[in-house]
Amino acid sequence: MRQLIDACGRIHDAFNNVIFVVLKLALNVALKRCVRLVDSASIGPCFRPPIAATAHHPPRGLTRHGAVTES
């Protein structure tokens, strides 16, 4: 009887370990997705000018490709 109780205890512990690993992996995936969403939002048009706006109006003295214009 004691062996049966010990076996059930080991099965229970193994099951808890599997559940813990699965939950840990799910949390890791969710956190990575959250970080990816935050990163993609931070490089949107609110945080930097659109490429089209800077391509047509380069800073004074520079060409569209960044070369210095001759004066």
C-alpha atoms as a PDB file:
ATOM      1  CA  MET A   1       0.000   0.000   0.000  1.00  0.00           C
ATOM      2  CA  ARG A   2       2.845   2.348   0.861  1.00  0.00           C
ATOM      3  CA  GLN A   3       4.393   1.781  -2.584  1.00  0.00           C
ATOM      4  CA  LEU A   4       1.108   2.684  -4.269  1.00  0.00           C
ATOM      5  CA  ILE A   5       0.905   5.945  -2.299  1.00  0.00           C
ATOM      6  CA  ASP A   6       4.528   6.763  -3.197  1.00  0.00           C
ATOM      7  CA  ALA A   7       3.874   6.015  -6.881  1.00  0.00           C
ATOM      8  CA  CYS A   8       0.794   8.240  -6.881  1.00  0.00           C
ATOM      9  CA  GLY A   9       2.822  10.993  -5.224  1.00  0.00           C
ATOM     10  CA  ARG A  10       5.522  10.752  -7.900  1.00  0.00           C
ATOM     11  CA  ILE A  11       2.909  10.823 -10.674  1.00  0.00           C
ATOM     12  CA  HIS A  12       1.293  13.857  -9.059  1.00  0.00           C
ATOM     13  CA  ASP A  13       4.662  15.649  -8.805  1.00  0.00           C
ATOM     14  CA  ALA A  14       5.515  14.849 -12.425  1.00  0.00           C
ATOM     15  CA  PHE A  15       2.119  16.122 -13.572  1.00  0.00           C
ATOM     16  CA  ASN A  16       2.622  19.362 -11.617  1.00  0.00           C
ATOM     17  CA  ASN A  17       6.067  19.807 -13.203  1.00  0.00           C
ATOM     18  CA  VAL A  18       4.613  19.363 -16.698  1.00  0.00           C
ATOM     19  CA  ILE A  19       1.856  21.899 -15.963  1.00  0.00           C
ATOM     20  CA  PHE A  20       4.454  24.348 -14.612  1.00  0.00           C
ATOM     21  CA  VAL A  21       6.659  24.018 -17.717  1.00  0.00           C
ATOM     22  CA  VAL A  22       3.695  24.488 -20.080  1.00  0.00           C
ATOM     23  CA  LEU A  23       2.503  27.577 -18.193  1.00  0.00           C
ATOM     24  CA  LYS A  24       6.035  28.987 -18.150  1.00  0.00           C
ATOM     25  CA  LEU A  25       6.373  28.531 -21.922  1.00  0.00           C
ATOM     26  CA  ALA A  26       2.964  30.114 -22.531  1.00  0.00           C
ATOM     27  CA  LEU A  27       3.904  33.117 -20.394  1.00  0.00           C
ATOM     28  CA  ASN A  28       7.216  33.454 -22.244  1.00  0.00           C
ATOM     29  CA  VAL A  29       5.452  33.457 -25.639  1.00  0.00           C
ATOM     30  CA  ALA A  30       2.886  35.992 -24.421  1.00  0.00           C
ATOM     31  CA  LEU A  31       5.610  38.305 -23.106  1.00  0.00           C
ATOM     32  CA  LYS A  32       7.548  38.098 -26.379  1.00  0.00           C
ATOM     33  CA  ARG A  33       4.407  39.009 -28.340  1.00  0.00           C
ATOM     34  CA  CYS A  34       3.739  41.918 -26.007  1.00  0.00           C
ATOM     35  CA  VAL A  35       7.304  43.223 -26.389  1.00  0.00           C
ATOM     36  CA  ARG A  36       7.056  42.832 -30.168  1.00  0.00           C
ATOM     37  CA  LEU A  37       3.828  44.861 -30.225  1.00  0.00           C
ATOM     38  CA  VAL A  38       5.378  47.607 -28.110  1.00  0.00           C
ATOM     39  CA  ASP A  39       8.482  47.683 -30.322  1.00  0.00           C
ATOM     40  CA  SER A  40       6.441  47.896 -33.521  1.00  0.00           C
ATOM     41  CA  ALA A  41       4.314  50.692 -32.060  1.00  0.00           C
ATOM     42  CA  SER A  42       7.351  52.730 -31.010  1.00  0.00           C
ATOM     43  CA  ILE A  43       8.705  52.976 -34.562  1.00  0.00           C
ATOM     44  CA  GLY A  44       5.450  54.222 -36.035  1.00  0.00           C
ATOM     45  CA  PRO A  45       4.871  57.644 -37.610  1.00  0.00           C
ATOM     46  CA  CYS A  46       4.219  59.234 -34.209  1.00  0.00           C
ATOM     47  CA  PHE A  47       7.844  58.743 -33.191  1.00  0.00           C
ATOM     48  CA  ARG A  48       9.682  59.508 -36.460  1.00  0.00           C
ATOM     49  CA  PRO A  49       8.805  61.366 -39.645  1.00  0.00           C
ATOM     50  CA  PRO A  50       7.590  59.248 -42.557  1.00  0.00           C
ATOM     51  CA  ILE A  51      10.258  58.464 -45.149  1.00  0.00           C
ATOM     52  CA  ALA A  52       8.258  60.140 -47.941  1.00  0.00           C
ATOM     53  CA  ALA A  53       8.161  63.463 -46.087  1.00  0.00           C
ATOM     54  CA  THR A  54      11.945  63.638 -45.686  1.00  0.00           C
ATOM     55  CA  ALA A  55      12.745  62.344 -49.187  1.00  0.00           C
ATOM     56  CA  HIS A  56      11.051  65.269 -50.967  1.00  0.00           C
ATOM     57  CA  HIS A  57      12.379  67.970 -48.679  1.00  0.00           C
ATOM     58  CA  PRO A  58      15.990  67.276 -47.739  1.00  0.00           C
ATOM     59  CA  PRO A  59      17.671  69.635 -45.282  1.00  0.00           C
ATOM     60  CA  ARG A  60      19.154  72.779 -46.810  1.00  0.00           C
ATOM     61  CA  GLY A  61      22.571  72.072 -48.309  1.00  0.00           C
ATOM     62  CA  LEU A  62      22.020  68.329 -48.719  1.00  0.00           C
ATOM     63  CA  THR A  63      20.771  66.268 -51.644  1.00  0.00           C
ATOM     64  CA  ARG A  64      18.157  63.563 -51.255  1.00  0.00           C
ATOM     65  CA  HIS A  65      20.932  61.010 -50.779  1.00  0.00           C
ATOM     66  CA  GLY A  66      22.722  62.993 -48.097  1.00  0.00           C
ATOM     67  CA  ALA A  67      25.500  64.403 -50.278  1.00  0.00           C
ATOM     68  CA  VAL A  68      26.500  68.030 -49.718  1.00  0.00           C
ATOM     69  CA  THR A  69      25.363  70.337 -52.526  1.00  0.00           C
ATOM     70  CA  GLU A  70      27.858  72.630 -54.192  1.00  0.00           C
ATOM     71  CA  SER A  71      27.395  76.288 -53.283  1.00  0.00           C
END
